PDB file of N, CA and C in Angstrom:
ATOM      1  N   MET A   1      97.531 103.258 104.488  1.00  0.00           N
ATOM      2  CA  MET A   1      98.872 102.944 104.028  1.00  0.00           C
ATOM      3  C   MET A   1      99.774 104.150 104.268  1.00  0.00           C
ATOM      4  N   PRO A   2     100.913 103.924 104.923  1.00  0.00           N
ATOM      5  CA  PRO A   2     101.795 105.045 105.219  1.00  0.00           C
ATOM      6  C   PRO A   2     102.478 105.586 103.969  1.00  0.00           C
ATOM      7  N   THR A   3     102.643 106.870 103.944  1.00  0.00           N
ATOM      8  CA  THR A   3     103.350 107.491 102.837  1.00  0.00           C
ATOM      9  C   THR A   3     104.824 107.594 103.177  1.00  0.00           C
ATOM     10  N   VAL A   4     105.623 107.890 102.184  1.00  0.00           N
ATOM     11  CA  VAL A   4     107.064 108.049 102.398  1.00  0.00           C
ATOM     12  C   VAL A   4     107.321 109.181 103.391  1.00  0.00           C
ATOM     13  N   MET A   5     106.557 110.269 103.282  1.00  0.00           N
ATOM     14  CA  MET A   5     106.756 111.400 104.194  1.00  0.00           C
ATOM     15  C   MET A   5     106.474 110.996 105.642  1.00  0.00           C
ATOM     16  N   ASN A   6     105.444 110.211 105.880  1.00  0.00           N
ATOM     17  CA  ASN A   6     105.153 109.766 107.245  1.00  0.00           C
ATOM     18  C   ASN A   6     106.297 108.908 107.770  1.00  0.00           C
ATOM     19  N   LEU A   7     106.837 108.045 106.928  1.00  0.00           N
ATOM     20  CA  LEU A   7     107.950 107.204 107.371  1.00  0.00           C
ATOM     21  C   LEU A   7     109.196 108.033 107.647  1.00  0.00           C
ATOM     22  N   LEU A   8     109.435 109.064 106.851  1.00  0.00           N
ATOM     23  CA  LEU A   8     110.593 109.923 107.089  1.00  0.00           C
ATOM     24  C   LEU A   8     110.431 110.734 108.369  1.00  0.00           C
ATOM     25  N   ARG A   9     109.232 111.170 108.656  1.00  0.00           N
ATOM     26  CA  ARG A   9     108.976 111.933 109.887  1.00  0.00           C
ATOM     27  C   ARG A   9     108.981 111.034 111.110  1.00  0.00           C
ATOM     28  N   GLY A  10     108.625 109.785 110.954  1.00  0.00           N
ATOM     29  CA  GLY A  10     108.549 108.840 112.052  1.00  0.00           C
ATOM     30  C   GLY A  10     107.103 108.552 112.403  1.00  0.00           C
ATOM     31  N   THR A  11     106.814 107.295 112.681  1.00  0.00           N
ATOM     32  CA  THR A  11     105.467 106.889 113.070  1.00  0.00           C
ATOM     33  C   THR A  11     105.538 105.980 114.284  1.00  0.00           C
ATOM     34  N   VAL A  12     104.419 105.871 114.960  1.00  0.00           N
ATOM     35  CA  VAL A  12     104.319 104.971 116.099  1.00  0.00           C
ATOM     36  C   VAL A  12     102.933 104.339 116.082  1.00  0.00           C
ATOM     37  N   THR A  13     102.888 103.047 116.360  1.00  0.00           N
ATOM     38  CA  THR A  13     101.616 102.332 116.476  1.00  0.00           C
ATOM     39  C   THR A  13     101.288 102.236 117.955  1.00  0.00           C
ATOM     40  N   VAL A  14     100.068 102.608 118.290  1.00  0.00           N
ATOM     41  CA  VAL A  14      99.649 102.685 119.680  1.00  0.00           C
ATOM     42  C   VAL A  14      98.310 101.981 119.854  1.00  0.00           C
ATOM     43  N   THR A  15      98.147 101.302 120.995  1.00  0.00           N
ATOM     44  CA  THR A  15      96.871 100.726 121.374  1.00  0.00           C
ATOM     45  C   THR A  15      96.328 101.523 122.543  1.00  0.00           C
ATOM     46  N   ALA A  16      95.081 101.951 122.408  1.00  0.00           N
ATOM     47  CA  ALA A  16      94.405 102.693 123.482  1.00  0.00           C
ATOM     48  C   ALA A  16      93.340 101.785 124.087  1.00  0.00           C
ATOM     49  N   ARG A  17      93.412 101.615 125.399  1.00  0.00           N
ATOM     50  CA  ARG A  17      92.440 100.791 126.118  1.00  0.00           C
ATOM     51  C   ARG A  17      91.722 101.644 127.146  1.00  0.00           C
ATOM     52  N   GLY A  18      90.416 101.500 127.180  1.00  0.00           N
ATOM     53  CA  GLY A  18      89.603 102.242 128.132  1.00  0.00           C
ATOM     54  C   GLY A  18      88.133 101.941 127.871  1.00  0.00           C
ATOM     55  N   LEU A  19      87.269 102.522 128.680  1.00  0.00           N
ATOM     56  CA  LEU A  19      85.842 102.255 128.521  1.00  0.00           C
ATOM     57  C   LEU A  19      85.299 102.784 127.199  1.00  0.00           C
ATOM     58  N   PHE A  20      85.796 103.948 126.769  1.00  0.00           N
ATOM     59  CA  PHE A  20      85.289 104.576 125.549  1.00  0.00           C
ATOM     60  C   PHE A  20      86.442 105.085 124.678  1.00  0.00           C
ATOM     61  N   PRO A  21      87.179 104.194 124.019  1.00  0.00           N
ATOM     62  CA  PRO A  21      88.303 104.650 123.191  1.00  0.00           C
ATOM     63  C   PRO A  21      87.855 105.508 122.000  1.00  0.00           C
ATOM     64  N   GLU A  22      86.585 105.420 121.623  1.00  0.00           N
ATOM     65  CA  GLU A  22      86.102 106.257 120.526  1.00  0.00           C
ATOM     66  C   GLU A  22      86.168 107.736 120.887  1.00  0.00           C
ATOM     67  N   ARG A  23      86.125 108.045 122.165  1.00  0.00           N
ATOM     68  CA  ARG A  23      86.282 109.440 122.594  1.00  0.00           C
ATOM     69  C   ARG A  23      87.675 109.955 122.259  1.00  0.00           C
ATOM     70  N   LEU A  24      88.657 109.093 122.422  1.00  0.00           N
ATOM     71  CA  LEU A  24      90.034 109.477 122.069  1.00  0.00           C
ATOM     72  C   LEU A  24      90.147 109.721 120.569  1.00  0.00           C
ATOM     73  N   ILE A  25      89.523 108.876 119.773  1.00  0.00           N
ATOM     74  CA  ILE A  25      89.536 109.049 118.317  1.00  0.00           C
ATOM     75  C   ILE A  25      88.911 110.393 117.947  1.00  0.00           C
ATOM     76  N   ASN A  26      87.777 110.714 118.570  1.00  0.00           N
ATOM     77  CA  ASN A  26      87.104 111.991 118.298  1.00  0.00           C
ATOM     78  C   ASN A  26      87.988 113.173 118.679  1.00  0.00           C
ATOM     79  N   LEU A  27      88.649 113.089 119.833  1.00  0.00           N
ATOM     80  CA  LEU A  27      89.534 114.175 120.261  1.00  0.00           C
ATOM     81  C   LEU A  27      90.729 114.326 119.317  1.00  0.00           C
ATOM     82  N   CYS A  28      91.256 113.215 118.846  1.00  0.00           N
ATOM     83  CA  CYS A  28      92.364 113.282 117.880  1.00  0.00           C
ATOM     84  C   CYS A  28      91.924 114.038 116.630  1.00  0.00           C
ATOM     85  N   ALA A  29      90.754 113.709 116.138  1.00  0.00           N
ATOM     86  CA  ALA A  29      90.248 114.387 114.949  1.00  0.00           C
ATOM     87  C   ALA A  29      90.036 115.872 115.219  1.00  0.00           C
ATOM     88  N   GLN A  30      89.500 116.219 116.380  1.00  0.00           N
ATOM     89  CA  GLN A  30      89.256 117.619 116.722  1.00  0.00           C
ATOM     90  C   GLN A  30      90.553 118.399 116.895  1.00  0.00           C
ATOM     91  N   GLN A  31      91.577 117.759 117.423  1.00  0.00           N
ATOM     92  CA  GLN A  31      92.850 118.433 117.697  1.00  0.00           C
ATOM     93  C   GLN A  31      93.826 118.367 116.516  1.00  0.00           C
ATOM     94  N   GLY A  32      93.420 117.748 115.428  1.00  0.00           N
ATOM     95  CA  GLY A  32      94.274 117.690 114.248  1.00  0.00           C
ATOM     96  C   GLY A  32      95.392 116.669 114.333  1.00  0.00           C
ATOM     97  N   ILE A  33      95.224 115.653 115.143  1.00  0.00           N
ATOM     98  CA  ILE A  33      96.209 114.576 115.230  1.00  0.00           C
ATOM     99  C   ILE A  33      95.809 113.530 114.192  1.00  0.00           C
ATOM    100  N   ALA A  34      96.589 113.447 113.129  1.00  0.00           N
ATOM    101  CA  ALA A  34      96.283 112.500 112.053  1.00  0.00           C
ATOM    102  C   ALA A  34      96.567 111.080 112.519  1.00  0.00           C
ATOM    103  N   PHE A  35      95.680 110.175 112.168  1.00  0.00           N
ATOM    104  CA  PHE A  35      95.879 108.767 112.480  1.00  0.00           C
ATOM    105  C   PHE A  35      95.393 107.935 111.303  1.00  0.00           C
ATOM    106  N   TRP A  36      95.920 106.730 111.187  1.00  0.00           N
ATOM    107  CA  TRP A  36      95.521 105.816 110.122  1.00  0.00           C
ATOM    108  C   TRP A  36      95.732 104.404 110.615  1.00  0.00           C
ATOM    109  N   GLY A  37      95.289 103.445 109.831  1.00  0.00           N
ATOM    110  CA  GLY A  37      95.415 102.044 110.223  1.00  0.00           C
ATOM    111  C   GLY A  37      94.585 101.721 111.455  1.00  0.00           C
ATOM    112  N   LEU A  38      93.457 102.384 111.594  1.00  0.00           N
ATOM    113  CA  LEU A  38      92.593 102.199 112.762  1.00  0.00           C
ATOM    114  C   LEU A  38      92.035 100.782 112.764  1.00  0.00           C
ATOM    115  N   GLU A  39      92.188 100.095 113.896  1.00  0.00           N
ATOM    116  CA  GLU A  39      91.729  98.712 114.012  1.00  0.00           C
ATOM    117  C   GLU A  39      91.152  98.490 115.398  1.00  0.00           C
ATOM    118  N   TRP A  40      89.895  98.094 115.444  1.00  0.00           N
ATOM    119  CA  TRP A  40      89.259  97.773 116.730  1.00  0.00           C
ATOM    120  C   TRP A  40      89.697  96.380 117.138  1.00  0.00           C
ATOM    121  N   LEU A  41      90.296  96.263 118.320  1.00  0.00           N
ATOM    122  CA  LEU A  41      90.742  94.966 118.826  1.00  0.00           C
ATOM    123  C   LEU A  41      89.645  94.302 119.641  1.00  0.00           C
ATOM    124  N   GLU A  42      88.899  95.104 120.362  1.00  0.00           N
ATOM    125  CA  GLU A  42      87.742  94.674 121.144  1.00  0.00           C
ATOM    126  C   GLU A  42      86.931  95.920 121.461  1.00  0.00           C
ATOM    127  N   ASP A  43      85.860  95.775 122.208  1.00  0.00           N
ATOM    128  CA  ASP A  43      84.999  96.931 122.498  1.00  0.00           C
ATOM    129  C   ASP A  43      85.726  98.041 123.250  1.00  0.00           C
ATOM    130  N   THR A  44      86.735  97.676 123.988  1.00  0.00           N
ATOM    131  CA  THR A  44      87.423  98.661 124.825  1.00  0.00           C
ATOM    132  C   THR A  44      88.865  98.924 124.383  1.00  0.00           C
ATOM    133  N   ALA A  45      89.223  98.517 123.178  1.00  0.00           N
ATOM    134  CA  ALA A  45      90.602  98.712 122.717  1.00  0.00           C
ATOM    135  C   ALA A  45      90.640  98.976 121.214  1.00  0.00           C
ATOM    136  N   VAL A  46      91.472  99.938 120.850  1.00  0.00           N
ATOM    137  CA  VAL A  46      91.646 100.297 119.447  1.00  0.00           C
ATOM    138  C   VAL A  46      93.139 100.514 119.179  1.00  0.00           C
ATOM    139  N   ARG A  47      93.592 100.107 117.994  1.00  0.00           N
ATOM    140  CA  ARG A  47      94.988 100.287 117.590  1.00  0.00           C
ATOM    141  C   ARG A  47      95.005 101.261 116.410  1.00  0.00           C
ATOM    142  N   MET A  48      95.967 102.170 116.419  1.00  0.00           N
ATOM    143  CA  MET A  48      96.115 103.121 115.327  1.00  0.00           C
ATOM    144  C   MET A  48      97.567 103.544 115.214  1.00  0.00           C
ATOM    145  N   THR A  49      97.892 104.150 114.092  1.00  0.00           N
ATOM    146  CA  THR A  49      99.237 104.662 113.856  1.00  0.00           C
ATOM    147  C   THR A  49      99.165 106.178 113.770  1.00  0.00           C
ATOM    148  N   ILE A  50     100.112 106.845 114.423  1.00  0.00           N
ATOM    149  CA  ILE A  50     100.178 108.307 114.402  1.00  0.00           C
ATOM    150  C   ILE A  50     101.615 108.729 114.090  1.00  0.00           C
ATOM    151  N   ARG A  51     101.792 110.010 113.772  1.00  0.00           N
ATOM    152  CA  ARG A  51     103.141 110.543 113.578  1.00  0.00           C
ATOM    153  C   ARG A  51     103.846 110.629 114.923  1.00  0.00           C
ATOM    154  N   LEU A  52     105.111 110.394 114.924  1.00  0.00           N
ATOM    155  CA  LEU A  52     105.929 110.424 116.136  1.00  0.00           C
ATOM    156  C   LEU A  52     105.840 111.781 116.828  1.00  0.00           C
ATOM    157  N   ALA A  53     105.757 112.846 116.055  1.00  0.00           N
ATOM    158  CA  ALA A  53     105.693 114.194 116.620  1.00  0.00           C
ATOM    159  C   ALA A  53     104.400 114.448 117.391  1.00  0.00           C
ATOM    160  N   CYS A  54     103.386 113.636 117.190  1.00  0.00           N
ATOM    161  CA  CYS A  54     102.082 113.848 117.848  1.00  0.00           C
ATOM    162  C   CYS A  54     101.944 113.099 119.166  1.00  0.00           C
ATOM    163  N   VAL A  55     102.946 112.325 119.557  1.00  0.00           N
ATOM    164  CA  VAL A  55     102.859 111.513 120.767  1.00  0.00           C
ATOM    165  C   VAL A  55     102.581 112.374 121.999  1.00  0.00           C
ATOM    166  N   LYS A  56     103.319 113.472 122.139  1.00  0.00           N
ATOM    167  CA  LYS A  56     103.142 114.324 123.328  1.00  0.00           C
ATOM    168  C   LYS A  56     101.767 114.966 123.368  1.00  0.00           C
ATOM    169  N   ARG A  57     101.150 115.182 122.221  1.00  0.00           N
ATOM    170  CA  ARG A  57      99.800 115.738 122.183  1.00  0.00           C
ATOM    171  C   ARG A  57      98.756 114.670 122.480  1.00  0.00           C
ATOM    172  N   LEU A  58      99.056 113.404 122.163  1.00  0.00           N
ATOM    173  CA  LEU A  58      98.103 112.315 122.372  1.00  0.00           C
ATOM    174  C   LEU A  58      97.982 111.925 123.842  1.00  0.00           C
ATOM    175  N   GLU A  59      99.082 111.934 124.569  1.00  0.00           N
ATOM    176  CA  GLU A  59      99.087 111.466 125.956  1.00  0.00           C
ATOM    177  C   GLU A  59      98.094 112.210 126.859  1.00  0.00           C
ATOM    178  N   PRO A  60      98.049 113.557 126.849  1.00  0.00           N
ATOM    179  CA  PRO A  60      97.063 114.219 127.710  1.00  0.00           C
ATOM    180  C   PRO A  60      95.621 113.971 127.271  1.00  0.00           C
ATOM    181  N   LEU A  61      95.408 113.778 125.980  1.00  0.00           N
ATOM    182  CA  LEU A  61      94.052 113.474 125.508  1.00  0.00           C
ATOM    183  C   LEU A  61      93.602 112.112 126.029  1.00  0.00           C
ATOM    184  N   ALA A  62      94.509 111.138 126.000  1.00  0.00           N
ATOM    185  CA  ALA A  62      94.185 109.800 126.493  1.00  0.00           C
ATOM    186  C   ALA A  62      93.872 109.850 127.989  1.00  0.00           C
ATOM    187  N   GLU A  63      94.663 110.611 128.715  1.00  0.00           N
ATOM    188  CA  GLU A  63      94.420 110.749 130.153  1.00  0.00           C
ATOM    189  C   GLU A  63      93.058 111.397 130.404  1.00  0.00           C
ATOM    190  N   ARG A  64      92.729 112.381 129.601  1.00  0.00           N
ATOM    191  CA  ARG A  64      91.465 113.111 129.750  1.00  0.00           C
ATOM    192  C   ARG A  64      90.241 112.200 129.602  1.00  0.00           C
ATOM    193  N   VAL A  65      90.328 111.206 128.696  1.00  0.00           N
ATOM    194  CA  VAL A  65      89.186 110.310 128.477  1.00  0.00           C
ATOM    195  C   VAL A  65      89.338 108.971 129.193  1.00  0.00           C
ATOM    196  N   GLY A  66      90.389 108.823 129.982  1.00  0.00           N
ATOM    197  CA  GLY A  66      90.571 107.613 130.778  1.00  0.00           C
ATOM    198  C   GLY A  66      91.076 106.406 130.001  1.00  0.00           C
ATOM    199  N   CYS A  67      91.906 106.639 128.997  1.00  0.00           N
ATOM    200  CA  CYS A  67      92.491 105.544 128.209  1.00  0.00           C
ATOM    201  C   CYS A  67      93.950 105.327 128.603  1.00  0.00           C
ATOM    202  N   GLN A  68      94.340 104.073 128.624  1.00  0.00           N
ATOM    203  CA  GLN A  68      95.738 103.705 128.821  1.00  0.00           C
ATOM    204  C   GLN A  68      96.354 103.474 127.448  1.00  0.00           C
ATOM    205  N   LEU A  69      97.557 103.985 127.225  1.00  0.00           N
ATOM    206  CA  LEU A  69      98.233 103.834 125.941  1.00  0.00           C
ATOM    207  C   LEU A  69      99.329 102.789 126.040  1.00  0.00           C
ATOM    208  N   GLU A  70      99.397 101.934 125.031  1.00  0.00           N
ATOM    209  CA  GLU A  70     100.470 100.939 124.918  1.00  0.00           C
ATOM    210  C   GLU A  70     101.177 101.184 123.590  1.00  0.00           C
ATOM    211  N   TRP A  71     102.467 101.483 123.648  1.00  0.00           N
ATOM    212  CA  TRP A  71     103.246 101.767 122.438  1.00  0.00           C
ATOM    213  C   TRP A  71     103.745 100.449 121.885  1.00  0.00           C
ATOM    214  N   GLU A  72     103.429 100.186 120.621  1.00  0.00           N
ATOM    215  CA  GLU A  72     103.746  98.883 120.043  1.00  0.00           C
ATOM    216  C   GLU A  72     104.905  98.909 119.060  1.00  0.00           C
ATOM    217  N   GLU A  73     104.855  99.800 118.097  1.00  0.00           N
ATOM    218  CA  GLU A  73     105.890  99.806 117.064  1.00  0.00           C
ATOM    219  C   GLU A  73     106.249 101.245 116.722  1.00  0.00           C
ATOM    220  N   ARG A  74     107.529 101.495 116.665  1.00  0.00           N
ATOM    221  CA  ARG A  74     108.015 102.832 116.316  1.00  0.00           C
ATOM    222  C   ARG A  74     108.902 102.705 115.086  1.00  0.00           C
ATOM    223  N   ARG A  75     108.631 103.530 114.098  1.00  0.00           N
ATOM    224  CA  ARG A  75     109.446 103.534 112.885  1.00  0.00           C
ATOM    225  C   ARG A  75     109.879 104.963 112.618  1.00  0.00           C
ATOM    226  N   CYS A  76     111.143 105.128 112.311  1.00  0.00           N
ATOM    227  CA  CYS A  76     111.642 106.469 112.009  1.00  0.00           C
ATOM    228  C   CYS A  76     112.660 106.390 110.875  1.00  0.00           C
ATOM    229  N   ARG A  77     113.039 107.558 110.393  1.00  0.00           N
ATOM    230  CA  ARG A  77     113.910 107.616 109.216  1.00  0.00           C
ATOM    231  C   ARG A  77     115.254 106.941 109.446  1.00  0.00           C
ATOM    232  N   ILE A  78     115.779 106.954 110.663  1.00  0.00           N
ATOM    233  CA  ILE A  78     117.073 106.323 110.929  1.00  0.00           C
ATOM    234  C   ILE A  78     116.979 104.824 110.683  1.00  0.00           C
ATOM    235  N   GLU A  79     115.873 104.202 111.136  1.00  0.00           N
ATOM    236  CA  GLU A  79     115.696 102.772 110.911  1.00  0.00           C
ATOM    237  C   GLU A  79     115.560 102.480 109.426  1.00  0.00           C
ATOM    238  N   ILE A  80     114.841 103.331 108.711  1.00  0.00           N
ATOM    239  CA  ILE A  80     114.629 103.124 107.278  1.00  0.00           C
ATOM    240  C   ILE A  80     115.947 103.263 106.529  1.00  0.00           C
ATOM    241  N   ILE A  81     116.722 104.297 106.868  1.00  0.00           N
ATOM    242  CA  ILE A  81     118.023 104.503 106.220  1.00  0.00           C
ATOM    243  C   ILE A  81     118.942 103.326 106.538  1.00  0.00           C
ATOM    244  N   GLY A  82     118.913 102.853 107.769  1.00  0.00           N
ATOM    245  CA  GLY A  82     119.734 101.702 108.155  1.00  0.00           C
ATOM    246  C   GLY A  82     119.366 100.462 107.367  1.00  0.00           C
ATOM    247  N   LEU A  83     118.063 100.238 107.174  1.00  0.00           N
ATOM    248  CA  LEU A  83     117.627  99.094 106.387  1.00  0.00           C
ATOM    249  C   LEU A  83     118.070  99.217 104.944  1.00  0.00           C
ATOM    250  N   ALA A  84     118.026 100.423 104.404  1.00  0.00           N
ATOM    251  CA  ALA A  84     118.444 100.651 103.027  1.00  0.00           C
ATOM    252  C   ALA A  84     119.956 100.376 102.893  1.00  0.00           C
ATOM    253  N   LEU A  85     120.730 100.790 103.893  1.00  0.00           N
ATOM    254  CA  LEU A  85     122.185 100.570 103.841  1.00  0.00           C
ATOM    255  C   LEU A  85     122.499  99.084 103.953  1.00  0.00           C
ATOM    256  N   ILE A  86     121.788  98.386 104.839  1.00  0.00           N
ATOM    257  CA  ILE A  86     122.016  96.951 104.995  1.00  0.00           C
ATOM    258  C   ILE A  86     121.656  96.223 103.707  1.00  0.00           C
ATOM    259  N   GLY A  87     120.567  96.636 103.069  1.00  0.00           N
ATOM    260  CA  GLY A  87     120.141  95.998 101.826  1.00  0.00           C
ATOM    261  C   GLY A  87     121.105  96.241 100.664  1.00  0.00           C
ATOM    262  N   SER A  88     121.899  97.299 100.731  1.00  0.00           N
ATOM    263  CA  SER A  88     122.810  97.604  99.616  1.00  0.00           C
ATOM    264  C   SER A  88     124.163  96.921  99.786  1.00  0.00           C
ATOM    265  N   ILE A  89     124.390  96.305 100.918  1.00  0.00           N
ATOM    266  CA  ILE A  89     125.695  95.645 101.151  1.00  0.00           C
ATOM    267  C   ILE A  89     125.729  94.301 100.460  1.00  0.00           C
TER     268      ILE A  89
END
């Protein structure tokens, strides 16, 4: 479950596809890239949520283990503030 701080910093949901996506998960843990909401879609695909600031660190790791990344959902503080303003009207 995302915390308020993660939502304020920005998050992105990403799907990694490749022969061994668990290698990407291991590298994320080793490199200190926090992830949550981990969901196996199939043997060769996993979906997870990371902080927006970690995207540039994730891309070379995915390339290193032969995973393709698909960006699915991006949430950041501007969207949250906009929703709050719309809800108060």
